[in-house]
């Protein structure tokens, strides 16, 4: 969280996903939750790491910090 200044903390959320490669369908991504702090994300990972599926893929957890009311995907996309 070093790149975020403390004045933006009240406007920042932390999103946690779990992603694993699936041979049949490609990436299997799950939105786990949205949290107020990195510590809450770490607590969620600790809780879920013991659960079926998650414990078999412990490296699949991914999180990121997002500012509220800010666009995060601004370049558009292409359909193939």
C-alpha atoms as a PDB file:
ATOM      1  CA  UNK A   1       0.000   0.000   0.000  1.00  0.00           C
ATOM      2  CA  UNK A   2       3.012   2.288  -0.080  1.00  0.00           C
ATOM      3  CA  UNK A   3       1.923   4.005  -3.322  1.00  0.00           C
ATOM      4  CA  UNK A   4      -1.327   5.238  -1.726  1.00  0.00           C
ATOM      5  CA  UNK A   5      -1.155   8.269   0.537  1.00  0.00           C
ATOM      6  CA  UNK A   6      -3.051   8.169   3.814  1.00  0.00           C
ATOM      7  CA  UNK A   7      -5.562  10.844   2.724  1.00  0.00           C
ATOM      8  CA  UNK A   8      -6.914   8.458   0.073  1.00  0.00           C
ATOM      9  CA  UNK A   9      -7.426   5.502   2.441  1.00  0.00           C
ATOM     10  CA  UNK A  10     -11.044   6.374   3.172  1.00  0.00           C
ATOM     11  CA  UNK A  11     -11.725   6.373  -0.563  1.00  0.00           C
ATOM     12  CA  UNK A  12      -9.907   3.122  -1.310  1.00  0.00           C
ATOM     13  CA  UNK A  13     -11.185  -0.452  -1.269  1.00  0.00           C
ATOM     14  CA  UNK A  14      -9.271  -3.689  -1.646  1.00  0.00           C
ATOM     15  CA  UNK A  15     -10.712  -6.302  -3.989  1.00  0.00           C
ATOM     16  CA  UNK A  16      -9.823  -9.974  -3.535  1.00  0.00           C
ATOM     17  CA  UNK A  17     -10.120 -12.576  -6.309  1.00  0.00           C
ATOM     18  CA  UNK A  18      -9.098 -16.188  -6.571  1.00  0.00           C
ATOM     19  CA  UNK A  19      -7.949 -17.311 -10.028  1.00  0.00           C
ATOM     20  CA  UNK A  20      -6.863 -20.751 -11.148  1.00  0.00           C
ATOM     21  CA  UNK A  21      -6.218 -22.272 -14.547  1.00  0.00           C
ATOM     22  CA  UNK A  22      -8.914 -24.695 -15.655  1.00  0.00           C
ATOM     23  CA  UNK A  23      -8.039 -27.115 -18.471  1.00  0.00           C
ATOM     24  CA  UNK A  24     -11.607 -27.189 -19.774  1.00  0.00           C
ATOM     25  CA  UNK A  25     -12.671 -23.537 -19.478  1.00  0.00           C
ATOM     26  CA  UNK A  26      -9.456 -21.504 -19.190  1.00  0.00           C
ATOM     27  CA  UNK A  27      -9.085 -19.272 -16.140  1.00  0.00           C
ATOM     28  CA  UNK A  28     -11.607 -19.815 -13.361  1.00  0.00           C
ATOM     29  CA  UNK A  29     -11.905 -16.509 -11.492  1.00  0.00           C
ATOM     30  CA  UNK A  30     -13.953 -15.883  -8.358  1.00  0.00           C
ATOM     31  CA  UNK A  31     -14.642 -12.527  -6.757  1.00  0.00           C
ATOM     32  CA  UNK A  32     -14.087 -13.238  -3.061  1.00  0.00           C
ATOM     33  CA  UNK A  33     -14.914  -9.833  -1.615  1.00  0.00           C
ATOM     34  CA  UNK A  34     -14.263  -6.126  -1.202  1.00  0.00           C
ATOM     35  CA  UNK A  35     -12.481  -5.001   1.966  1.00  0.00           C
ATOM     36  CA  UNK A  36     -11.542  -1.805   3.795  1.00  0.00           C
ATOM     37  CA  UNK A  37      -7.873  -2.664   4.345  1.00  0.00           C
ATOM     38  CA  UNK A  38      -5.011  -4.878   3.238  1.00  0.00           C
ATOM     39  CA  UNK A  39      -5.152  -6.461   6.685  1.00  0.00           C
ATOM     40  CA  UNK A  40      -8.750  -7.540   6.104  1.00  0.00           C
ATOM     41  CA  UNK A  41      -7.655  -9.076   2.778  1.00  0.00           C
ATOM     42  CA  UNK A  42      -4.892 -10.996   4.553  1.00  0.00           C
ATOM     43  CA  UNK A  43      -7.403 -12.228   7.144  1.00  0.00           C
ATOM     44  CA  UNK A  44      -9.775 -13.412   4.392  1.00  0.00           C
ATOM     45  CA  UNK A  45      -6.967 -15.276   2.640  1.00  0.00           C
ATOM     46  CA  UNK A  46      -6.002 -16.946   5.926  1.00  0.00           C
ATOM     47  CA  UNK A  47      -9.608 -18.061   6.505  1.00  0.00           C
ATOM     48  CA  UNK A  48     -10.197 -19.290   2.960  1.00  0.00           C
ATOM     49  CA  UNK A  49      -6.830 -21.012   2.523  1.00  0.00           C
ATOM     50  CA  UNK A  50      -8.124 -23.871   4.684  1.00  0.00           C
ATOM     51  CA  UNK A  51     -11.296 -24.401   2.627  1.00  0.00           C
ATOM     52  CA  UNK A  52     -11.767 -27.071  -0.085  1.00  0.00           C
ATOM     53  CA  UNK A  53     -10.518 -25.963  -3.473  1.00  0.00           C
ATOM     54  CA  UNK A  54      -8.725 -22.909  -2.136  1.00  0.00           C
ATOM     55  CA  UNK A  55      -6.338 -25.064  -0.111  1.00  0.00           C
ATOM     56  CA  UNK A  56      -5.483 -26.956  -3.313  1.00  0.00           C
ATOM     57  CA  UNK A  57      -4.645 -23.690  -5.108  1.00  0.00           C
ATOM     58  CA  UNK A  58      -3.141 -21.427  -2.424  1.00  0.00           C
ATOM     59  CA  UNK A  59      -1.303 -19.231  -4.932  1.00  0.00           C
ATOM     60  CA  UNK A  60      -4.487 -18.187  -6.724  1.00  0.00           C
ATOM     61  CA  UNK A  61      -5.344 -15.267  -4.445  1.00  0.00           C
ATOM     62  CA  UNK A  62      -4.974 -11.844  -6.089  1.00  0.00           C
ATOM     63  CA  UNK A  63      -5.838  -8.468  -4.617  1.00  0.00           C
ATOM     64  CA  UNK A  64      -5.656  -4.858  -5.676  1.00  0.00           C
ATOM     65  CA  UNK A  65      -6.408  -1.417  -4.314  1.00  0.00           C
ATOM     66  CA  UNK A  66      -9.061   0.641  -6.093  1.00  0.00           C
ATOM     67  CA  UNK A  67     -10.112   4.242  -5.519  1.00  0.00           C
ATOM     68  CA  UNK A  68     -13.844   4.790  -5.283  1.00  0.00           C
ATOM     69  CA  UNK A  69     -15.625   6.685  -8.086  1.00  0.00           C
ATOM     70  CA  UNK A  70     -12.665   6.243 -10.431  1.00  0.00           C
ATOM     71  CA  UNK A  71     -12.668   4.428 -13.785  1.00  0.00           C
ATOM     72  CA  UNK A  72     -10.192   1.557 -13.807  1.00  0.00           C
ATOM     73  CA  UNK A  73     -10.632   0.299 -17.364  1.00  0.00           C
ATOM     74  CA  UNK A  74     -10.445   3.300 -19.665  1.00  0.00           C
ATOM     75  CA  UNK A  75      -8.916   1.977 -22.905  1.00  0.00           C
ATOM     76  CA  UNK A  76     -11.916   0.020 -24.217  1.00  0.00           C
ATOM     77  CA  UNK A  77     -11.722  -3.567 -25.505  1.00  0.00           C
ATOM     78  CA  UNK A  78     -11.825  -5.635 -28.693  1.00  0.00           C
ATOM     79  CA  UNK A  79     -14.129  -8.574 -29.397  1.00  0.00           C
ATOM     80  CA  UNK A  80     -12.506 -11.488 -31.188  1.00  0.00           C
END
